[in-house]
């Protein structure tokens, strides 16, 4: 369903050729005139509420703490329920185990009120203590749990980095940071800022205000598990699995995972599907074949080739949506002249993102002129047009001249670090060409395999580095902090021996990015507005997600988080394909 495939053009040509051979021998009606066949392949309407889904593979974990990406996260969201859930269309937080919530202390304290009829699949009540125990367990698991960082704003969940401490100047600041790091070497889950006030009341204490916290706790990592041993850190497996969601595990086999509607679920009367079957497929071609034959009802998370995407585009059951995965270039603020916000903005607005997405990326991505997709803005107003990073050649040249480099004179060769990937190489070459033509700046592109690439980032051996992040929530604070915190931490351990607190940065008002040149401290960015002011990074493009969904399936909604809700899916057993005017439908 997502991302542009990371393969070379020669490999793409070979795969595309094989795909054309497959399509050429496919039954009549495969990739033909949409007047005669508006949907891809056979449409065989189900007589029961049984949903079959190829979701990029079979789930490999059943544990909310260890679920990193689909299909694992999709299964976890089906069989476990958290305090809140996402409305699948708007992504607004809606009641789940919690019926309501309120905040105090300017968004630092949240109290959730749990419903009386929330039950585990074994019939026991879901209590506030279940959430306390589960979140403490996730913090204890630490980095082995892929999304533990989403709990980092809860008091006691993590060590505060140097970049987040109140800044002071000089030697005293470094001594304070070193002392704090020695004392706070690891989080203490026993002091986690979450408490069971009663069986039906959960209170959470945050380090920083977050008015969108109810949206964050809809993420799978916050969903409770039924622990038999309070201290167990072992992965929860399918054997004897106890869950609290709309569905429960029925079978886990080599080629499928079967769920059935949960009898003890508090809202079971609103769940339409009787069963959900995750079906295995070896590759995207096998997934297309199964869907075309009417063997499955939906295909997502398959790495469709660019040719397949073009051929699928006309069909009514093919979907493409912006996906919350950002590719961006990050600056090393310890290297001059990239500590100057005017230089950073000049480089940012010299890039033609529209051309980049259309030409180098084949139209399979969305240009990113800010850091978050519109749907992830949370409660804040969508960024104003004037704040977007539109290409502006005249302003880019003016800013570079103001920074002391008229027409690029005296500007050092940019050391651009990327991981070994053909697509990223083409993107880097295109951007280097834009910087050369607009600003008369030269770029040295360094390509490293992943291990060496990460090592170079840790020691700060770059001026600009290609980064990527898959956003896990609509919570603006969490996304922005995750986007920039990793780079602050890298700077702290850099080879220069300096801390992030000594890096140069700029904090200026909207529309006045060039007014302030350098400031002596680097703080943790708290909003997209700040991120666009300071431009410590350059957003380039968002990924796209793709899906095939049969026309008789309703409620399988697409969204920027790529999180369809199985609770809302329904099979229209009476669906009939509209007959084309003057023609008989092909079957």
Protein backbone atom coordinates (compact mmCIF):
# COMPACT_ATOMS: atom_id res chain seq x y z
CA UNK A 1 0.00 0.00 0.00
CA UNK A 2 2.91 2.34 0.46
CA UNK A 3 6.16 3.89 -0.43
CA UNK A 4 7.98 4.05 -3.67
CA UNK A 5 9.91 0.77 -4.16
CA UNK A 6 13.61 1.03 -3.33
CA UNK A 7 15.03 -0.63 -6.40
CA UNK A 8 17.10 0.57 -9.33
CA UNK A 9 15.77 1.56 -12.72
CA UNK A 10 17.24 -1.53 -14.39
CA UNK A 11 15.54 -3.75 -11.81
CA UNK A 12 12.32 -1.81 -12.30
CA UNK A 13 12.51 -2.43 -16.05
CA UNK A 14 12.94 -6.17 -15.52
CA UNK A 15 10.09 -6.38 -13.02
CA UNK A 16 7.87 -4.25 -15.24
CA UNK A 17 8.57 -6.57 -18.16
CA UNK A 18 7.63 -9.60 -16.11
CA UNK A 19 4.50 -7.82 -14.94
CA UNK A 20 3.51 -7.08 -18.54
CA UNK A 21 3.94 -10.77 -19.37
CA UNK A 22 1.66 -11.68 -16.45
CA UNK A 23 -0.91 -9.14 -17.54
CA UNK A 24 -0.76 -10.25 -21.17
CA UNK A 25 -1.79 -13.79 -20.25
CA UNK A 26 -4.37 -12.69 -17.68
CA UNK A 27 -8.06 -13.37 -18.34
CA UNK A 28 -10.05 -10.99 -20.51
CA UNK A 29 -11.03 -7.90 -18.56
CA UNK A 30 -7.65 -7.46 -16.82
CA UNK A 31 -6.43 -3.91 -17.44
CA UNK A 32 -8.84 -3.23 -20.32
CA UNK A 33 -11.03 -0.30 -21.20
CA UNK A 34 -12.70 0.90 -17.99
CA UNK A 35 -15.93 1.52 -19.92
CA UNK A 36 -16.40 -2.24 -19.99
CA UNK A 37 -14.69 -3.08 -16.68
CA UNK A 38 -14.79 -0.29 -14.08
CA UNK A 39 -13.29 -2.54 -11.40
CA UNK A 40 -10.08 -4.52 -11.49
CA UNK A 41 -10.85 -8.21 -11.94
CA UNK A 42 -13.83 -10.21 -10.76
CA UNK A 43 -16.35 -8.79 -8.33
CA UNK A 44 -17.87 -11.74 -6.47
CA UNK A 45 -20.09 -10.37 -3.71
CA UNK A 46 -19.82 -12.12 -0.35
CA UNK A 47 -22.93 -13.73 1.10
CA UNK A 48 -21.57 -13.38 4.67
CA UNK A 49 -19.77 -10.74 6.70
CA UNK A 50 -16.38 -12.37 6.12
CA UNK A 51 -13.53 -10.05 5.13
CA UNK A 52 -10.35 -11.36 3.45
CA UNK A 53 -7.36 -9.05 3.42
CA UNK A 54 -3.85 -9.15 1.94
CA UNK A 55 -2.05 -6.58 4.09
CA UNK A 56 1.51 -6.85 2.80
CA UNK A 57 2.16 -10.11 4.66
CA UNK A 58 0.99 -12.04 7.68
CA UNK A 59 1.17 -10.57 11.20
CA UNK A 60 4.35 -11.58 12.99
CA UNK A 61 3.48 -10.31 16.46
CA UNK A 62 0.30 -10.11 18.53
CA UNK A 63 1.79 -7.83 21.17
CA UNK A 64 0.93 -4.08 21.17
CA UNK A 65 4.34 -3.22 22.59
CA UNK A 66 6.19 -4.90 19.72
CA UNK A 67 3.93 -4.05 16.76
CA UNK A 68 5.97 -1.75 14.53
CA UNK A 69 4.03 -1.49 11.26
CA UNK A 70 1.25 -3.14 9.23
CA UNK A 71 0.09 -5.85 9.23
CA UNK A 72 1.12 -6.19 12.91
CA UNK A 73 -0.35 -2.82 13.92
CA UNK A 74 -3.56 -3.53 11.98
CA UNK A 75 -4.06 -6.82 13.81
CA UNK A 76 -3.27 -5.24 17.20
CA UNK A 77 -5.82 -2.48 16.62
CA UNK A 78 -8.44 -5.11 15.77
CA UNK A 79 -7.95 -7.32 18.83
CA UNK A 80 -6.93 -4.71 21.43
CA UNK A 81 -8.67 -1.46 22.31
CA UNK A 82 -7.12 1.56 23.99
CA UNK A 83 -8.46 4.52 25.91
CA UNK A 84 -9.35 6.20 22.64
CA UNK A 85 -9.46 5.29 18.97
CA UNK A 86 -9.29 7.24 15.73
CA UNK A 87 -12.29 8.18 13.68
CA UNK A 88 -11.14 6.44 10.47
CA UNK A 89 -12.15 9.39 8.28
CA UNK A 90 -11.30 12.47 10.32
CA UNK A 91 -8.64 10.89 12.57
CA UNK A 92 -10.15 12.76 15.52
CA UNK A 93 -9.90 10.84 18.81
CA UNK A 94 -13.15 9.09 19.76
CA UNK A 95 -14.15 7.22 22.95
CA UNK A 96 -13.08 3.60 23.24
CA UNK A 97 -12.38 2.04 26.66
CA UNK A 98 -12.57 5.60 28.00
CA UNK A 99 -15.96 7.26 27.66
CA UNK A 100 -14.66 10.76 28.37
CA UNK A 101 -11.58 12.67 29.52
CA UNK A 102 -10.54 16.06 30.82
CA UNK A 103 -7.30 17.95 31.29
CA UNK A 104 -5.81 20.31 33.86
CA UNK A 105 -2.53 22.09 34.51
CA UNK A 106 -2.60 23.57 30.99
CA UNK A 107 -2.54 20.17 29.31
CA UNK A 108 0.00 18.46 31.56
CA UNK A 109 -2.49 16.29 33.46
CA UNK A 110 -5.14 14.11 31.82
CA UNK A 111 -7.86 12.07 33.52
CA UNK A 112 -9.65 9.31 31.61
CA UNK A 113 -12.94 7.77 32.77
CA UNK A 114 -13.27 4.10 31.79
CA UNK A 115 -16.55 2.46 30.82
CA UNK A 116 -18.16 -0.05 33.15
CA UNK A 117 -18.83 -2.65 30.45
CA UNK A 118 -15.29 -2.92 29.01
CA UNK A 119 -14.32 -6.60 29.19
CA UNK A 120 -11.42 -8.84 28.32
CA UNK A 121 -12.16 -11.82 26.11
CA UNK A 122 -12.09 -14.02 29.25
CA UNK A 123 -14.93 -11.98 30.74
CA UNK A 124 -12.89 -10.02 33.30
CA UNK A 125 -13.30 -6.25 33.57
CA UNK A 126 -10.77 -3.91 31.94
CA UNK A 127 -9.47 -1.60 34.69
CA UNK A 128 -7.25 1.44 35.00
CA UNK A 129 -4.57 -0.77 36.57
CA UNK A 130 -4.40 -2.78 33.33
CA UNK A 131 -3.27 0.38 31.56
CA UNK A 132 -0.78 1.26 34.32
CA UNK A 133 0.77 -2.22 34.21
CA UNK A 134 0.88 -2.31 30.41
CA UNK A 135 2.51 1.10 30.03
CA UNK A 136 5.05 0.33 32.74
CA UNK A 137 5.87 -2.90 30.93
CA UNK A 138 6.44 -1.04 27.64
CA UNK A 139 8.79 1.43 29.33
CA UNK A 140 10.72 -1.48 30.88
CA UNK A 141 11.06 -3.11 27.46
CA UNK A 142 12.63 0.13 26.27
CA UNK A 143 14.24 0.33 22.86
CA UNK A 144 13.26 -3.26 22.03
CA UNK A 145 9.70 -1.97 21.71
CA UNK A 146 9.70 0.02 18.43
CA UNK A 147 7.41 2.83 19.57
CA UNK A 148 8.31 3.24 23.24
CA UNK A 149 9.34 6.80 22.38
CA UNK A 150 5.66 7.71 22.04
CA UNK A 151 5.41 7.45 25.83
CA UNK A 152 8.36 9.80 26.29
CA UNK A 153 6.31 12.83 27.31
CA UNK A 154 4.86 10.96 30.30
CA UNK A 155 6.66 11.86 33.52
CA UNK A 156 9.29 9.28 34.38
CA UNK A 157 9.20 7.61 30.96
CA UNK A 158 12.52 8.85 29.70
CA UNK A 159 15.64 10.85 30.37
CA UNK A 160 15.40 14.49 29.35
CA UNK A 161 18.07 15.23 26.75
CA UNK A 162 20.44 18.17 26.99
CA UNK A 163 18.63 19.92 24.17
CA UNK A 164 15.43 19.94 26.23
CA UNK A 165 16.88 21.32 29.45
CA UNK A 166 16.61 25.04 30.19
CA UNK A 167 19.71 26.48 28.55
CA UNK A 168 22.47 28.46 30.23
CA UNK A 169 25.74 29.61 28.79
CA UNK A 170 29.29 28.39 28.91
CA UNK A 171 31.02 25.88 31.15
CA UNK A 172 28.22 25.76 33.78
CA UNK A 173 25.74 24.50 31.14
CA UNK A 174 28.04 21.66 30.11
CA UNK A 175 28.64 20.69 33.73
CA UNK A 176 24.88 20.66 34.42
CA UNK A 177 24.26 18.49 31.37
CA UNK A 178 27.00 16.01 32.26
CA UNK A 179 25.80 15.78 35.86
CA UNK A 180 22.18 15.26 34.82
CA UNK A 181 23.14 12.61 32.29
CA UNK A 182 25.02 10.66 34.96
CA UNK A 183 22.10 10.72 37.39
CA UNK A 184 19.33 10.11 34.85
CA UNK A 185 20.92 7.32 32.83
CA UNK A 186 17.68 5.42 32.34
CA UNK A 187 13.95 5.86 32.95
CA UNK A 188 12.35 4.30 36.03
CA UNK A 189 9.03 2.64 35.15
CA UNK A 190 8.04 2.50 38.84
CA UNK A 191 7.89 6.30 38.82
CA UNK A 192 5.96 6.52 35.59
CA UNK A 193 3.48 9.37 35.72
CA UNK A 194 0.37 7.23 35.28
CA UNK A 195 -1.87 6.17 38.16
CA UNK A 196 -5.05 4.20 38.70
CA UNK A 197 -7.12 6.61 40.79
CA UNK A 198 -9.77 3.87 40.87
CA UNK A 199 -10.77 0.91 38.72
CA UNK A 200 -12.55 3.32 36.39
CA UNK A 201 -10.30 6.37 36.52
CA UNK A 202 -6.82 6.71 35.01
CA UNK A 203 -4.66 9.80 35.49
CA UNK A 204 -1.64 10.66 33.37
CA UNK A 205 0.99 13.31 34.19
CA UNK A 206 2.99 14.76 31.28
CA UNK A 207 6.33 16.55 31.23
CA UNK A 208 5.22 19.07 28.61
CA UNK A 209 1.68 20.30 27.86
CA UNK A 210 -0.05 18.38 25.08
CA UNK A 211 -3.61 19.39 24.24
CA UNK A 212 -3.85 16.60 21.66
CA UNK A 213 -2.85 13.78 24.02
CA UNK A 214 -6.14 11.84 23.54
CA UNK A 215 -5.19 11.41 19.89
CA UNK A 216 -1.76 10.09 20.83
CA UNK A 217 -3.10 7.35 23.14
CA UNK A 218 -5.10 5.91 20.24
CA UNK A 219 -1.81 4.46 18.96
CA UNK A 220 -1.42 0.67 19.34
CA UNK A 221 1.53 0.97 21.75
CA UNK A 222 -0.84 2.45 24.37
CA UNK A 223 -3.30 -0.46 24.21
CA UNK A 224 -3.44 -2.65 27.31
CA UNK A 225 -2.50 -6.31 27.56
CA UNK A 226 -3.69 -8.79 30.15
CA UNK A 227 -0.59 -9.67 32.14
CA UNK A 228 -0.40 -12.85 34.17
CA UNK A 229 2.94 -11.79 35.60
CA UNK A 230 3.34 -8.07 36.28
CA UNK A 231 7.04 -8.15 35.47
CA UNK A 232 6.99 -10.23 32.31
CA UNK A 233 8.81 -8.74 29.36
CA UNK A 234 8.26 -11.67 27.03
CA UNK A 235 6.34 -11.16 23.83
CA UNK A 236 2.70 -12.09 24.01
CA UNK A 237 1.98 -14.91 21.56
CA UNK A 238 -1.16 -16.39 20.01
CA UNK A 239 -1.46 -19.27 22.47
CA UNK A 240 -4.14 -18.47 25.04
CA UNK A 241 -4.22 -14.83 23.94
CA UNK A 242 -6.59 -12.65 25.99
CA UNK A 243 -7.67 -9.42 24.29
CA UNK A 244 -10.24 -6.65 24.70
CA UNK A 245 -10.95 -5.43 21.15
CA UNK A 246 -13.78 -5.78 18.66
CA UNK A 247 -12.21 -9.04 17.40
CA UNK A 248 -10.36 -11.93 18.99
CA UNK A 249 -7.86 -14.40 17.60
CA UNK A 250 -9.42 -17.61 16.27
CA UNK A 251 -6.53 -19.21 14.34
CA UNK A 252 -2.91 -18.47 13.55
CA UNK A 253 -1.60 -20.65 10.71
CA UNK A 254 1.30 -20.64 8.28
CA UNK A 255 -0.68 -19.02 5.47
CA UNK A 256 -3.38 -17.09 7.33
CA UNK A 257 -4.45 -15.46 10.59
CA UNK A 258 -8.16 -15.63 11.36
CA UNK A 259 -10.06 -13.28 13.66
CA UNK A 260 -13.66 -13.55 14.77
CA UNK A 261 -16.03 -11.04 16.33
CA UNK A 262 -15.45 -10.85 20.10
CA UNK A 263 -18.44 -12.02 22.14
CA UNK A 264 -17.48 -9.95 25.22
CA UNK A 265 -16.73 -6.69 23.40
CA UNK A 266 -18.79 -3.84 24.87
CA UNK A 267 -19.85 -2.53 21.43
CA UNK A 268 -20.26 -5.88 19.67
CA UNK A 269 -23.70 -4.99 18.28
CA UNK A 270 -22.08 -2.25 16.18
CA UNK A 271 -19.46 -4.61 14.70
CA UNK A 272 -20.62 -5.83 11.30
CA UNK A 273 -17.95 -8.35 10.33
CA UNK A 274 -18.20 -11.89 11.64
CA UNK A 275 -14.61 -12.72 10.72
CA UNK A 276 -11.42 -11.16 9.33
CA UNK A 277 -8.84 -13.27 7.54
CA UNK A 278 -5.31 -11.98 6.99
CA UNK A 279 -4.17 -13.81 3.85
CA UNK A 280 -0.54 -14.38 2.95
CA UNK A 281 0.89 -13.46 -0.48
CA UNK A 282 4.47 -14.00 -1.66
CA UNK A 283 4.73 -10.67 -3.48
CA UNK A 284 2.72 -7.85 -5.04
CA UNK A 285 2.11 -9.83 -8.22
CA UNK A 286 0.59 -12.68 -6.22
CA UNK A 287 -1.55 -10.16 -4.35
CA UNK A 288 -2.80 -8.66 -7.62
CA UNK A 289 -3.59 -12.12 -8.98
CA UNK A 290 -5.59 -13.07 -5.89
CA UNK A 291 -7.52 -9.80 -5.95
CA UNK A 292 -8.22 -10.03 -9.68
CA UNK A 293 -9.60 -13.54 -9.21
CA UNK A 294 -11.95 -12.35 -6.47
CA UNK A 295 -10.20 -14.40 -3.77
CA UNK A 296 -9.66 -11.43 -1.43
CA UNK A 297 -11.60 -8.26 -0.69
CA UNK A 298 -8.74 -5.81 -0.19
CA UNK A 299 -5.02 -5.46 -0.91
CA UNK A 300 -2.86 -2.94 0.96
CA UNK A 301 0.83 -2.46 1.79
CA UNK A 302 1.98 -4.14 -1.41
CA UNK A 303 4.96 -2.64 -3.22
CA UNK A 304 3.26 -2.04 -6.56
CA UNK A 305 5.65 -1.20 -9.39
CA UNK A 306 5.28 2.20 -11.12
CA UNK A 307 3.92 0.52 -14.25
CA UNK A 308 1.30 -1.36 -12.24
CA UNK A 309 0.27 1.87 -10.55
CA UNK A 310 -0.31 3.56 -13.90
CA UNK A 311 -2.34 0.62 -15.17
CA UNK A 312 -4.40 0.40 -12.00
CA UNK A 313 -5.12 4.13 -11.77
CA UNK A 314 -8.29 4.18 -13.96
CA UNK A 315 -10.11 1.52 -11.93
CA UNK A 316 -12.75 2.65 -9.44
CA UNK A 317 -11.58 0.24 -6.74
CA UNK A 318 -8.00 1.57 -6.79
CA UNK A 319 -7.09 4.15 -4.15
CA UNK A 320 -4.15 6.46 -3.71
CA UNK A 321 -3.70 8.72 -0.67
CA UNK A 322 -1.03 10.85 0.94
CA UNK A 323 0.76 8.85 3.62
CA UNK A 324 2.37 10.37 6.71
CA UNK A 325 5.93 9.34 5.86
CA UNK A 326 8.31 12.26 5.30
CA UNK A 327 11.64 12.27 3.48
CA UNK A 328 13.70 15.30 4.45
CA UNK A 329 17.24 16.68 4.49
CA UNK A 330 18.63 17.56 7.92
CA UNK A 331 21.31 20.19 8.56
CA UNK A 332 24.35 19.75 10.78
CA UNK A 333 24.06 22.97 12.77
CA UNK A 334 27.58 22.51 14.16
CA UNK A 335 29.04 23.14 10.71
CA UNK A 336 29.32 26.64 9.32
CA UNK A 337 27.65 28.23 7.40
CA UNK A 338 24.66 25.95 8.04
CA UNK A 339 24.26 27.52 11.48
CA UNK A 340 22.87 30.57 9.64
CA UNK A 341 19.10 30.43 9.09
CA UNK A 342 19.44 32.52 5.92
CA UNK A 343 21.62 29.85 4.36
CA UNK A 344 19.22 27.11 5.39
CA UNK A 345 16.24 28.93 3.93
CA UNK A 346 18.08 29.72 0.71
CA UNK A 347 18.84 26.04 0.20
CA UNK A 348 15.26 25.09 1.10
CA UNK A 349 13.49 27.42 -1.33
CA UNK A 350 15.93 26.75 -4.17
CA UNK A 351 14.38 23.28 -4.49
CA UNK A 352 11.52 22.68 -6.92
CA UNK A 353 9.60 20.02 -4.99
CA UNK A 354 6.86 19.71 -7.59
CA UNK A 355 9.39 18.83 -10.29
CA UNK A 356 11.22 16.51 -7.93
CA UNK A 357 8.08 14.49 -7.16
CA UNK A 358 6.87 14.43 -10.75
CA UNK A 359 10.13 13.73 -12.58
CA UNK A 360 12.54 11.87 -10.32
CA UNK A 361 9.84 10.09 -8.32
CA UNK A 362 7.44 9.39 -11.17
CA UNK A 363 4.51 11.21 -9.61
CA UNK A 364 4.30 8.57 -6.87
CA UNK A 365 4.92 11.02 -4.00
CA UNK A 366 3.45 14.30 -2.76
CA UNK A 367 5.67 17.42 -2.55
CA UNK A 368 6.28 18.40 1.08
CA UNK A 369 6.29 22.18 1.46
CA UNK A 370 5.97 21.88 5.23
CA UNK A 371 6.78 19.17 7.75
CA UNK A 372 3.34 17.65 8.41
CA UNK A 373 0.51 16.69 6.05
CA UNK A 374 -2.58 18.85 6.49
CA UNK A 375 -4.48 16.00 8.16
CA UNK A 376 -1.80 15.82 10.89
CA UNK A 377 -2.09 19.42 11.97
CA UNK A 378 -4.17 18.37 14.98
CA UNK A 379 -6.10 21.27 16.47
CA UNK A 380 -3.96 24.01 14.94
CA UNK A 381 -4.84 25.97 11.85
CA UNK A 382 -3.35 24.72 8.61
CA UNK A 383 -0.08 26.50 7.85
CA UNK A 384 -0.68 29.71 5.93
CA UNK A 385 0.25 29.86 2.27
CA UNK A 386 2.96 32.45 2.99
CA UNK A 387 4.73 30.00 5.29
CA UNK A 388 5.01 27.16 2.78
CA UNK A 389 8.42 26.38 1.32
CA UNK A 390 7.62 27.31 -2.26
CA UNK A 391 10.42 27.61 -4.80
CA UNK A 392 11.60 31.23 -4.84
CA UNK A 393 14.78 31.80 -6.84
CA UNK A 394 14.99 35.56 -6.28
CA UNK A 395 14.60 35.30 -2.50
CA UNK A 396 17.02 32.36 -2.28
CA UNK A 397 19.76 34.35 -4.02
CA UNK A 398 19.06 37.42 -1.88
CA UNK A 399 19.30 35.42 1.35
CA UNK A 400 22.56 33.79 0.32
CA UNK A 401 24.04 37.20 -0.51
CA UNK A 402 22.91 38.60 2.86
CA UNK A 403 24.68 35.66 4.54
CA UNK A 404 27.92 36.71 2.84
CA UNK A 405 27.92 34.46 -0.24
CA UNK A 406 26.76 36.52 -3.24
CA UNK A 407 26.23 34.23 -6.23
CA UNK A 408 27.66 31.42 -4.12
CA UNK A 409 31.08 33.08 -3.91
CA UNK A 410 33.11 31.52 -1.09
CA UNK A 411 30.45 28.97 -0.15
CA UNK A 412 32.01 25.61 0.79
CA UNK A 413 31.16 22.46 -1.13
CA UNK A 414 28.14 20.90 0.55
CA UNK A 415 28.78 17.41 1.98
CA UNK A 416 25.48 15.61 1.38
CA UNK A 417 25.19 12.17 3.00
CA UNK A 418 22.63 9.62 1.79
CA UNK A 419 22.09 5.90 2.31
CA UNK A 420 22.78 3.50 -0.55
CA UNK A 421 19.57 3.57 -2.55
CA UNK A 422 19.09 4.23 -6.26
CA UNK A 423 16.05 6.40 -5.77
CA UNK A 424 17.79 8.54 -3.14
CA UNK A 425 20.82 8.89 -5.42
CA UNK A 426 18.64 10.30 -8.21
CA UNK A 427 16.89 12.65 -5.79
CA UNK A 428 20.24 13.88 -4.41
CA UNK A 429 21.62 14.49 -7.90
CA UNK A 430 18.51 16.43 -8.87
CA UNK A 431 18.67 18.63 -5.77
CA UNK A 432 22.42 19.20 -6.22
CA UNK A 433 21.67 20.35 -9.76
CA UNK A 434 19.03 22.79 -8.49
CA UNK A 435 21.45 24.25 -5.91
CA UNK A 436 24.08 24.65 -8.62
CA UNK A 437 21.79 26.38 -11.12
CA UNK A 438 20.01 28.64 -8.60
CA UNK A 439 22.74 29.42 -6.05
CA UNK A 440 25.98 28.46 -7.82
CA UNK A 441 26.75 26.01 -4.99
CA UNK A 442 28.53 22.70 -5.52
CA UNK A 443 27.58 19.48 -3.71
CA UNK A 444 29.61 16.38 -2.91
CA UNK A 445 27.22 13.42 -2.59
CA UNK A 446 28.46 10.66 -0.28
CA UNK A 447 26.64 7.33 -0.54
CA UNK A 448 27.12 4.79 2.25
CA UNK A 449 25.59 1.40 3.14
CA UNK A 450 23.17 1.61 6.06
CA UNK A 451 25.57 0.74 8.92
CA UNK A 452 28.21 3.21 7.72
CA UNK A 453 25.53 5.81 7.02
CA UNK A 454 24.24 5.60 10.60
CA UNK A 455 27.78 5.71 11.97
CA UNK A 456 28.50 8.88 9.99
CA UNK A 457 25.34 10.47 11.40
CA UNK A 458 26.38 9.63 14.96
CA UNK A 459 29.74 11.38 14.60
CA UNK A 460 28.34 14.29 12.59
CA UNK A 461 30.34 13.56 9.43
CA UNK A 462 28.05 15.50 7.09
CA UNK A 463 26.73 18.97 6.32
CA UNK A 464 23.33 17.76 5.20
CA UNK A 465 21.93 14.25 5.57
CA UNK A 466 18.95 12.47 4.08
CA UNK A 467 16.50 11.31 6.76
CA UNK A 468 13.05 9.75 6.81
CA UNK A 469 10.30 9.31 9.38
CA UNK A 470 7.00 7.42 9.39
CA UNK A 471 4.58 9.38 11.57
CA UNK A 472 2.68 7.30 14.08
CA UNK A 473 0.02 9.74 15.26
CA UNK A 474 -1.84 12.93 14.37
CA UNK A 475 -0.40 14.53 17.52
CA UNK A 476 1.61 17.53 16.27
CA UNK A 477 3.82 17.78 19.36
CA UNK A 478 4.84 14.12 19.20
CA UNK A 479 5.57 14.21 15.46
CA UNK A 480 7.62 17.39 15.58
CA UNK A 481 9.59 16.29 18.64
CA UNK A 482 10.32 12.91 17.05
CA UNK A 483 11.40 14.63 13.85
CA UNK A 484 14.06 16.76 15.52
CA UNK A 485 14.92 14.98 18.77
CA UNK A 486 16.88 12.21 17.05
CA UNK A 487 19.14 14.76 15.43
CA UNK A 488 19.67 16.65 18.68
CA UNK A 489 20.76 13.39 20.28
CA UNK A 490 23.12 12.69 17.37
CA UNK A 491 24.65 16.12 17.80
CA UNK A 492 25.22 15.50 21.50
CA UNK A 493 27.37 12.47 20.75
CA UNK A 494 29.12 14.03 17.73
CA UNK A 495 32.82 13.83 17.10
CA UNK A 496 33.23 17.55 17.71
CA UNK A 497 32.70 17.00 21.41
CA UNK A 498 30.10 19.76 21.53
CA UNK A 499 26.61 19.28 22.89
CA UNK A 500 23.41 20.19 21.18
CA UNK A 501 23.11 23.04 23.64
CA UNK A 502 26.08 24.76 21.98
CA UNK A 503 24.79 24.47 18.42
CA UNK A 504 23.71 27.57 16.57
CA UNK A 505 20.07 27.98 15.63
CA UNK A 506 17.50 30.69 15.05
CA UNK A 507 14.15 31.48 16.57
CA UNK A 508 12.33 34.20 14.65
CA UNK A 509 8.81 35.30 13.85
CA UNK A 510 6.84 34.02 10.87
CA UNK A 511 7.78 35.86 7.69
CA UNK A 512 11.03 37.15 9.26
CA UNK A 513 13.32 34.14 8.90
CA UNK A 514 16.23 36.25 7.66
CA UNK A 515 15.96 38.87 10.42
CA UNK A 516 17.87 36.81 12.98
CA UNK A 517 21.07 35.11 11.89
CA UNK A 518 22.39 32.99 14.72
CA UNK A 519 21.56 32.30 18.35
CA UNK A 520 23.80 30.39 20.76
CA UNK A 521 21.34 27.76 21.94
CA UNK A 522 19.38 24.90 20.42
CA UNK A 523 16.10 24.07 22.12
CA UNK A 524 13.66 21.30 21.36
CA UNK A 525 11.20 22.41 18.70
CA UNK A 526 7.61 22.14 19.92
CA UNK A 527 5.47 22.96 16.85
CA UNK A 528 5.44 22.99 13.08
CA UNK A 529 5.45 26.79 13.15
CA UNK A 530 8.75 26.74 15.04
CA UNK A 531 10.10 24.12 12.64
CA UNK A 532 9.29 26.34 9.66
CA UNK A 533 10.84 29.34 11.41
CA UNK A 534 14.12 27.66 12.23
CA UNK A 535 14.42 25.33 9.23
CA UNK A 536 16.84 22.93 10.86
CA UNK A 537 15.71 20.56 8.11
CA UNK A 538 14.27 20.71 4.59
CA UNK A 539 11.05 18.72 3.98
CA UNK A 540 11.11 17.13 0.52
CA UNK A 541 8.17 14.79 -0.07
CA UNK A 542 5.53 12.61 1.54
CA UNK A 543 5.01 9.01 0.49
CA UNK A 544 1.79 7.74 -1.07
CA UNK A 545 -0.25 4.76 0.04
CA UNK A 546 -2.13 2.47 -2.35
CA UNK A 547 -5.01 0.07 -1.95
CA UNK A 548 -7.43 -2.09 -3.91
CA UNK A 549 -10.80 -2.48 -2.21
CA UNK A 550 -13.79 -4.29 -3.68
CA UNK A 551 -16.82 -2.05 -4.33
CA UNK A 552 -19.10 -4.06 -2.02
CA UNK A 553 -16.85 -3.22 0.97
CA UNK A 554 -17.82 -0.11 2.94
CA UNK A 555 -16.19 1.48 5.98
CA UNK A 556 -12.65 0.55 4.91
CA UNK A 557 -11.57 4.18 4.94
CA UNK A 558 -8.20 5.49 3.87
CA UNK A 559 -6.37 8.12 5.90
CA UNK A 560 -2.96 9.73 6.25
CA UNK A 561 -1.98 7.29 9.03
CA UNK A 562 -2.92 4.31 6.85
CA UNK A 563 -5.07 2.94 9.69
CA UNK A 564 -8.36 1.52 8.42
CA UNK A 565 -10.79 0.49 11.15
CA UNK A 566 -12.06 -3.08 10.89
CA UNK A 567 -14.74 -2.26 13.44
CA UNK A 568 -16.46 -0.07 10.84
CA UNK A 569 -16.09 -2.39 7.82
CA UNK A 570 -19.22 -3.92 6.31
CA UNK A 571 -19.89 -6.25 3.38
CA UNK A 572 -22.86 -5.13 1.28
CA UNK A 573 -24.23 -8.57 0.40
CA UNK A 574 -26.84 -6.95 -1.88
CA UNK A 575 -24.39 -4.90 -3.90
CA UNK A 576 -24.81 -5.05 -7.66
CA UNK A 577 -22.56 -3.55 -10.27
CA UNK A 578 -24.30 -0.74 -12.16
CA UNK A 579 -24.91 -1.76 -15.75
CA UNK A 580 -23.08 0.44 -18.29
CA UNK A 581 -25.43 2.33 -20.57
CA UNK A 582 -26.29 0.15 -23.57
CA UNK A 583 -23.90 -2.61 -22.54
CA UNK A 584 -23.96 -5.82 -20.54
CA UNK A 585 -21.45 -5.94 -17.70
CA UNK A 586 -18.51 -8.26 -18.19
CA UNK A 587 -18.23 -11.14 -15.72
